[in-house]
Protein backbone atom coordinates (compact mmCIF):
# COMPACT_ATOMS: atom_id res chain seq x y z
CA MET A 1 -16.63 -5.50 -12.57
CA PRO A 2 -15.97 -1.92 -11.57
CA ALA A 3 -12.57 -0.68 -9.64
CA ALA A 4 -14.85 0.44 -7.11
CA ASP A 5 -16.25 -3.15 -7.02
CA ILE A 6 -13.22 -4.44 -6.45
CA PHE A 7 -11.19 -2.27 -3.46
CA HIS A 8 -14.43 -2.94 -1.74
CA THR A 9 -13.50 -6.69 -2.28
CA ILE A 10 -10.31 -6.54 -1.15
CA ARG A 11 -11.04 -4.55 1.94
CA THR A 12 -14.03 -7.08 2.82
CA ARG A 13 -12.58 -10.41 1.84
CA GLY A 14 -8.35 -9.79 1.50
CA MET A 15 -6.05 -10.21 3.88
CA ARG A 16 -5.39 -7.90 5.83
CA VAL A 17 -1.44 -7.32 7.67
CA SER A 18 -0.30 -4.26 9.71
CA SER A 19 2.86 -3.23 11.22
CA SER A 20 4.08 0.07 12.71
CA ALA A 21 4.26 1.59 9.20
CA PHE A 22 1.69 0.12 6.96
CA SER A 23 -1.85 -1.47 7.22
CA VAL A 24 -2.24 -3.34 4.16
CA TYR A 25 -4.76 -5.08 2.10
CA TYR A 26 -4.46 -7.54 -0.57
CA LYS A 27 -6.30 -10.29 -2.65
CA ASP A 28 -5.39 -11.75 -6.00
CA VAL A 29 -8.14 -10.64 -8.15
CA GLY A 30 -7.11 -12.31 -11.07
CA THR A 31 -7.31 -9.11 -13.77
CA HIS A 32 -4.51 -6.45 -13.61
CA ILE A 33 -5.67 -3.72 -11.12
CA ARG A 34 -3.47 -1.03 -9.77
CA PRO A 35 -2.46 -0.92 -6.51
CA ARG A 36 -3.82 2.19 -4.17
CA VAL A 37 -1.88 3.80 -1.72
CA VAL A 38 -3.10 6.30 0.89
CA VAL A 39 -1.07 8.61 2.48
CA SER A 40 -3.47 10.75 4.94
CA GLN A 41 -2.65 14.19 6.22
CA LYS A 42 -2.19 12.42 9.56
CA VAL A 43 1.22 11.32 8.18
CA ASP A 44 2.56 14.93 7.21
CA LYS A 45 0.67 18.18 6.51
CA ARG A 46 2.49 18.87 3.71
CA ALA A 47 1.79 17.68 0.30
CA THR A 48 5.00 17.34 -1.53
CA VAL A 49 6.28 14.78 1.31
CA ARG A 50 3.06 12.51 1.30
CA ASN A 51 3.56 12.33 -2.50
CA ARG A 52 7.07 11.53 -2.21
CA LEU A 53 6.05 8.65 0.11
CA ARG A 54 3.01 7.38 -2.37
CA ARG A 55 5.73 7.62 -5.37
CA GLN A 56 8.35 5.31 -3.04
CA ILE A 57 5.36 2.46 -1.90
CA ARG A 58 4.01 2.13 -5.55
CA GLU A 59 7.75 1.80 -6.51
CA ILE A 60 7.90 -0.83 -3.59
CA ILE A 61 4.55 -2.69 -5.03
CA LYS A 62 5.74 -2.63 -8.44
CA THR A 63 7.76 -5.83 -8.08
CA LEU A 64 4.61 -7.23 -6.98
CA SER A 65 2.30 -9.67 -9.03
CA PRO A 66 -0.03 -7.55 -11.36
CA THR A 67 -2.94 -9.89 -10.73
CA LEU A 68 -2.76 -8.86 -6.71
CA GLY A 69 -4.99 -6.04 -5.72
CA VAL A 70 -3.22 -4.45 -2.89
CA ILE A 71 -4.09 -1.42 -0.70
CA VAL A 72 -1.60 0.38 1.19
CA ILE A 73 -1.97 2.86 4.33
CA ALA A 74 0.63 4.32 5.07
CA LYS A 75 0.85 5.54 9.10
CA PRO A 76 3.08 8.30 10.49
CA SER A 77 5.83 6.12 11.68
CA ILE A 78 6.54 5.98 8.06
CA LEU A 79 8.50 9.27 8.36
CA ASP A 80 11.47 7.72 10.08
CA LYS A 81 12.30 4.68 7.64
CA SER A 82 14.63 5.20 4.62
CA PHE A 83 13.76 3.44 1.36
CA ALA A 84 15.15 0.11 2.27
CA GLU A 85 13.59 -0.43 5.64
CA MET A 86 10.28 0.46 3.73
CA LYS A 87 11.10 -1.73 1.18
CA LYS A 88 12.41 -4.56 3.54
CA GLU A 89 9.03 -4.22 5.91
CA LEU A 90 6.21 -3.83 3.00
CA LEU A 91 7.49 -6.91 1.01
CA GLY A 92 7.98 -8.68 4.24
CA LEU A 93 3.86 -8.25 5.17
CA ILE A 94 2.70 -9.52 1.90
CA HIS A 95 4.50 -11.93 1.32
């Protein structure tokens, strides 16, 4: 199954949970798939800030099962959080 189809399935049939800093879609897809992280310009106009947030979120997601398809959408309030706070909040949403 192509990756686009898998991510469509995750968004339509998977679980959706939200917090003040994240919206997360996830579903166990049975195959290894790279997680998707979305940090839009609504969060920050500077690409360097958005890329740093993407790297931090990917590092947190590495601890999850490789067959768990995950889509993480960052919200603007993520800028107020430290890495430890992001990790606690994101893992709390998924577990």
